[in-house]
N, C-alpha and C. Protein backbone atom coordinates (compact mmCIF):
# COMPACT_ATOMS: atom_id res chain seq x y z
N MET A 1 104.03 25.65 107.51
CA MET A 1 102.77 26.34 107.27
C MET A 1 103.07 27.77 106.85
N ALA A 2 102.32 28.26 105.89
CA ALA A 2 102.51 29.62 105.39
C ALA A 2 102.09 30.65 106.43
N ASP A 3 102.82 31.77 106.44
CA ASP A 3 102.45 32.86 107.34
C ASP A 3 101.27 33.62 106.76
N PHE A 4 100.40 34.04 107.62
CA PHE A 4 99.29 34.88 107.21
C PHE A 4 98.98 35.84 108.34
N LYS A 5 98.33 36.93 107.98
CA LYS A 5 97.99 37.95 108.96
C LYS A 5 96.48 38.08 109.01
N TYR A 6 96.00 38.44 110.19
CA TYR A 6 94.57 38.69 110.33
C TYR A 6 94.37 39.83 111.31
N GLU A 7 93.28 40.52 111.11
CA GLU A 7 92.88 41.59 112.03
C GLU A 7 91.39 41.41 112.32
N ILE A 8 91.05 41.24 113.59
CA ILE A 8 89.65 41.17 113.96
C ILE A 8 89.14 42.61 113.98
N VAL A 9 88.37 42.95 112.96
CA VAL A 9 87.87 44.31 112.79
C VAL A 9 86.73 44.57 113.77
N LYS A 10 85.88 43.56 113.97
CA LYS A 10 84.74 43.72 114.87
C LYS A 10 84.34 42.36 115.43
N THR A 11 84.15 42.30 116.74
CA THR A 11 83.59 41.10 117.36
C THR A 11 82.09 41.29 117.43
N ILE A 12 81.37 40.43 116.73
CA ILE A 12 79.91 40.53 116.71
C ILE A 12 79.31 39.78 117.88
N ALA A 13 79.79 38.54 118.12
CA ALA A 13 79.22 37.74 119.22
C ALA A 13 80.17 36.62 119.61
N VAL A 14 80.18 36.32 120.90
CA VAL A 14 80.81 35.10 121.40
C VAL A 14 79.64 34.15 121.64
N LEU A 15 79.59 33.06 120.87
CA LEU A 15 78.45 32.16 120.90
C LEU A 15 78.52 31.14 122.02
N SER A 16 79.73 30.72 122.37
CA SER A 16 79.89 29.75 123.46
C SER A 16 81.34 29.75 123.92
N GLU A 17 81.56 29.11 125.09
CA GLU A 17 82.91 28.97 125.63
C GLU A 17 83.06 27.57 126.18
N SER A 18 84.17 26.91 125.83
CA SER A 18 84.43 25.56 126.32
C SER A 18 85.03 25.61 127.72
N THR A 19 85.12 24.47 128.35
CA THR A 19 85.71 24.40 129.69
C THR A 19 87.20 24.75 129.66
N LYS A 20 87.83 24.65 128.49
CA LYS A 20 89.26 24.98 128.37
C LYS A 20 89.48 26.43 127.96
N GLY A 21 88.39 27.21 127.87
CA GLY A 21 88.52 28.63 127.58
C GLY A 21 88.43 29.02 126.12
N TRP A 22 88.33 28.03 125.22
CA TRP A 22 88.17 28.35 123.80
C TRP A 22 86.77 28.91 123.59
N THR A 23 86.67 29.90 122.71
CA THR A 23 85.37 30.50 122.42
C THR A 23 85.02 30.32 120.95
N LYS A 24 83.73 30.11 120.69
CA LYS A 24 83.22 30.09 119.32
C LYS A 24 82.71 31.50 119.07
N GLU A 25 83.32 32.17 118.09
CA GLU A 25 83.05 33.59 117.86
C GLU A 25 82.58 33.87 116.44
N PHE A 26 81.71 34.86 116.34
CA PHE A 26 81.28 35.40 115.05
C PHE A 26 81.87 36.79 114.96
N ASN A 27 82.81 36.98 114.03
CA ASN A 27 83.57 38.23 113.91
C ASN A 27 83.57 38.73 112.48
N VAL A 28 84.05 39.94 112.31
CA VAL A 28 84.42 40.47 111.00
C VAL A 28 85.94 40.53 111.00
N ILE A 29 86.56 39.83 110.03
CA ILE A 29 88.03 39.70 110.02
C ILE A 29 88.58 40.06 108.65
N SER A 30 89.69 40.77 108.66
CA SER A 30 90.46 41.04 107.45
C SER A 30 91.62 40.04 107.42
N TRP A 31 91.67 39.24 106.37
CA TRP A 31 92.74 38.25 106.21
C TRP A 31 93.77 38.78 105.22
N ASN A 32 95.03 38.82 105.62
CA ASN A 32 96.13 39.24 104.75
C ASN A 32 95.88 40.60 104.09
N GLY A 33 95.29 41.53 104.85
CA GLY A 33 95.07 42.88 104.35
C GLY A 33 93.94 43.03 103.36
N ARG A 34 93.19 41.96 103.12
CA ARG A 34 92.07 42.03 102.18
C ARG A 34 90.85 42.63 102.85
N ASP A 35 89.80 42.84 102.04
CA ASP A 35 88.55 43.37 102.57
C ASP A 35 88.02 42.44 103.66
N PRO A 36 87.47 43.00 104.73
CA PRO A 36 86.95 42.18 105.83
C PRO A 36 85.77 41.31 105.39
N LYS A 37 85.67 40.14 106.02
CA LYS A 37 84.56 39.21 105.77
C LYS A 37 84.05 38.71 107.11
N TYR A 38 82.83 38.18 107.09
CA TYR A 38 82.29 37.54 108.29
C TYR A 38 83.04 36.25 108.52
N ASP A 39 83.22 35.89 109.79
CA ASP A 39 84.02 34.71 110.12
C ASP A 39 83.45 34.05 111.37
N LEU A 40 83.29 32.73 111.31
CA LEU A 40 82.81 31.94 112.44
C LEU A 40 83.83 30.85 112.70
N ARG A 41 84.44 30.87 113.91
CA ARG A 41 85.44 29.85 114.24
C ARG A 41 85.70 29.84 115.74
N ASP A 42 86.44 28.80 116.18
CA ASP A 42 86.87 28.68 117.58
C ASP A 42 88.19 29.40 117.76
N TRP A 43 88.31 30.07 118.92
CA TRP A 43 89.53 30.80 119.25
C TRP A 43 90.01 30.38 120.63
N ALA A 44 91.33 30.23 120.75
CA ALA A 44 91.95 30.00 122.06
C ALA A 44 91.88 31.30 122.85
N PRO A 45 92.06 31.20 124.17
CA PRO A 45 92.08 32.43 124.97
C PRO A 45 93.10 33.43 124.40
N ASN A 46 92.75 34.70 124.42
CA ASN A 46 93.59 35.80 123.93
C ASN A 46 93.86 35.73 122.42
N HIS A 47 93.08 34.93 121.71
CA HIS A 47 93.20 34.78 120.25
C HIS A 47 94.61 34.36 119.83
N GLU A 48 95.28 33.57 120.69
CA GLU A 48 96.64 33.13 120.35
C GLU A 48 96.65 32.00 119.33
N ARG A 49 95.58 31.23 119.26
CA ARG A 49 95.43 30.15 118.27
C ARG A 49 93.99 30.13 117.80
N MET A 50 93.78 29.50 116.64
CA MET A 50 92.42 29.41 116.11
C MET A 50 92.16 28.02 115.57
N GLY A 51 90.90 27.65 115.56
CA GLY A 51 90.48 26.40 114.94
C GLY A 51 90.02 26.68 113.52
N ARG A 52 89.67 25.60 112.83
CA ARG A 52 89.12 25.77 111.49
C ARG A 52 87.80 26.51 111.58
N GLY A 53 87.51 27.28 110.57
CA GLY A 53 86.29 28.06 110.61
C GLY A 53 85.71 28.25 109.23
N VAL A 54 84.72 29.12 109.18
CA VAL A 54 84.04 29.44 107.93
C VAL A 54 84.09 30.95 107.75
N THR A 55 84.52 31.38 106.57
CA THR A 55 84.55 32.79 106.22
C THR A 55 83.48 33.03 105.17
N LEU A 56 82.69 34.09 105.36
CA LEU A 56 81.56 34.36 104.48
C LEU A 56 81.62 35.77 103.90
N SER A 57 81.31 35.87 102.61
CA SER A 57 81.15 37.18 101.98
C SER A 57 79.82 37.77 102.45
N ASN A 58 79.57 39.03 102.12
CA ASN A 58 78.29 39.65 102.47
C ASN A 58 77.12 38.87 101.87
N GLU A 59 77.27 38.45 100.61
CA GLU A 59 76.20 37.71 99.94
C GLU A 59 75.95 36.36 100.62
N GLU A 60 77.02 35.67 100.98
CA GLU A 60 76.87 34.38 101.67
C GLU A 60 76.25 34.56 103.05
N ALA A 61 76.64 35.61 103.76
CA ALA A 61 76.07 35.88 105.08
C ALA A 61 74.58 36.21 104.96
N ASP A 62 74.20 36.98 103.94
CA ASP A 62 72.78 37.29 103.72
C ASP A 62 71.98 36.02 103.46
N LYS A 63 72.52 35.13 102.64
CA LYS A 63 71.83 33.87 102.33
C LYS A 63 71.72 33.00 103.58
N LEU A 64 72.79 32.91 104.36
CA LEU A 64 72.76 32.13 105.59
C LEU A 64 71.73 32.70 106.56
N LYS A 65 71.68 34.01 106.68
CA LYS A 65 70.69 34.66 107.55
C LYS A 65 69.28 34.29 107.12
N GLU A 66 69.03 34.33 105.82
CA GLU A 66 67.72 33.97 105.27
C GLU A 66 67.36 32.52 105.62
N VAL A 67 68.30 31.62 105.42
CA VAL A 67 68.07 30.20 105.72
C VAL A 67 67.84 30.00 107.22
N LEU A 68 68.66 30.62 108.06
CA LEU A 68 68.49 30.48 109.51
C LEU A 68 67.15 31.04 109.98
N ASN A 69 66.77 32.21 109.46
CA ASN A 69 65.48 32.78 109.83
C ASN A 69 64.33 31.87 109.45
N ASP A 70 64.47 31.17 108.33
CA ASP A 70 63.42 30.27 107.86
C ASP A 70 63.41 28.94 108.59
N GLN A 71 64.58 28.42 108.94
CA GLN A 71 64.68 27.05 109.43
C GLN A 71 64.80 26.91 110.94
N VAL A 72 65.36 27.89 111.62
CA VAL A 72 65.58 27.76 113.06
C VAL A 72 64.34 28.26 113.79
N THR A 73 63.79 27.37 114.60
CA THR A 73 62.59 27.70 115.37
C THR A 73 62.83 27.35 116.83
N PRO A 74 62.01 27.88 117.74
CA PRO A 74 62.17 27.52 119.15
C PRO A 74 62.02 26.02 119.39
N GLU A 75 61.18 25.37 118.60
CA GLU A 75 61.01 23.93 118.73
C GLU A 75 62.04 23.25 117.84
N LEU A 76 62.74 22.29 118.38
CA LEU A 76 63.72 21.56 117.59
C LEU A 76 62.99 20.56 116.70
N THR A 77 63.44 20.48 115.46
CA THR A 77 62.90 19.47 114.57
C THR A 77 63.77 18.23 114.68
N PRO A 78 63.25 17.06 114.30
CA PRO A 78 64.08 15.86 114.36
C PRO A 78 65.37 16.05 113.56
N ALA A 79 66.43 15.48 114.04
CA ALA A 79 67.74 15.63 113.40
C ALA A 79 67.66 15.25 111.92
N GLY A 80 68.27 16.08 111.12
CA GLY A 80 68.36 15.78 109.69
C GLY A 80 67.13 16.16 108.89
N THR A 81 66.13 16.76 109.49
CA THR A 81 64.94 17.15 108.73
C THR A 81 64.87 18.66 108.63
N LEU A 82 64.27 19.11 107.57
CA LEU A 82 64.09 20.53 107.36
C LEU A 82 62.64 20.91 107.62
N LYS A 83 62.45 22.10 108.10
CA LYS A 83 61.10 22.63 108.30
C LYS A 83 60.42 22.76 106.94
N GLU A 84 59.17 22.40 106.89
CA GLU A 84 58.40 22.51 105.63
C GLU A 84 58.04 23.94 105.35
């Protein structure tokens, strides 16, 4: 596996924690010295390992925020359906 570097520039939120101590986190991360991006993924305790995740540019994060604000409601909709 190729070596890569990352720096967690800012921890925005820890969304959940598993019984084994892994956390699902929303962070701002710089990968390989590049400009920081939003990142959502699972992390082992002390950030020693990571799971697969999603990295988002500012534009992608803005679009996701728009979709979440429109679609996520206190009442759950049936699985697989979108709010009208």
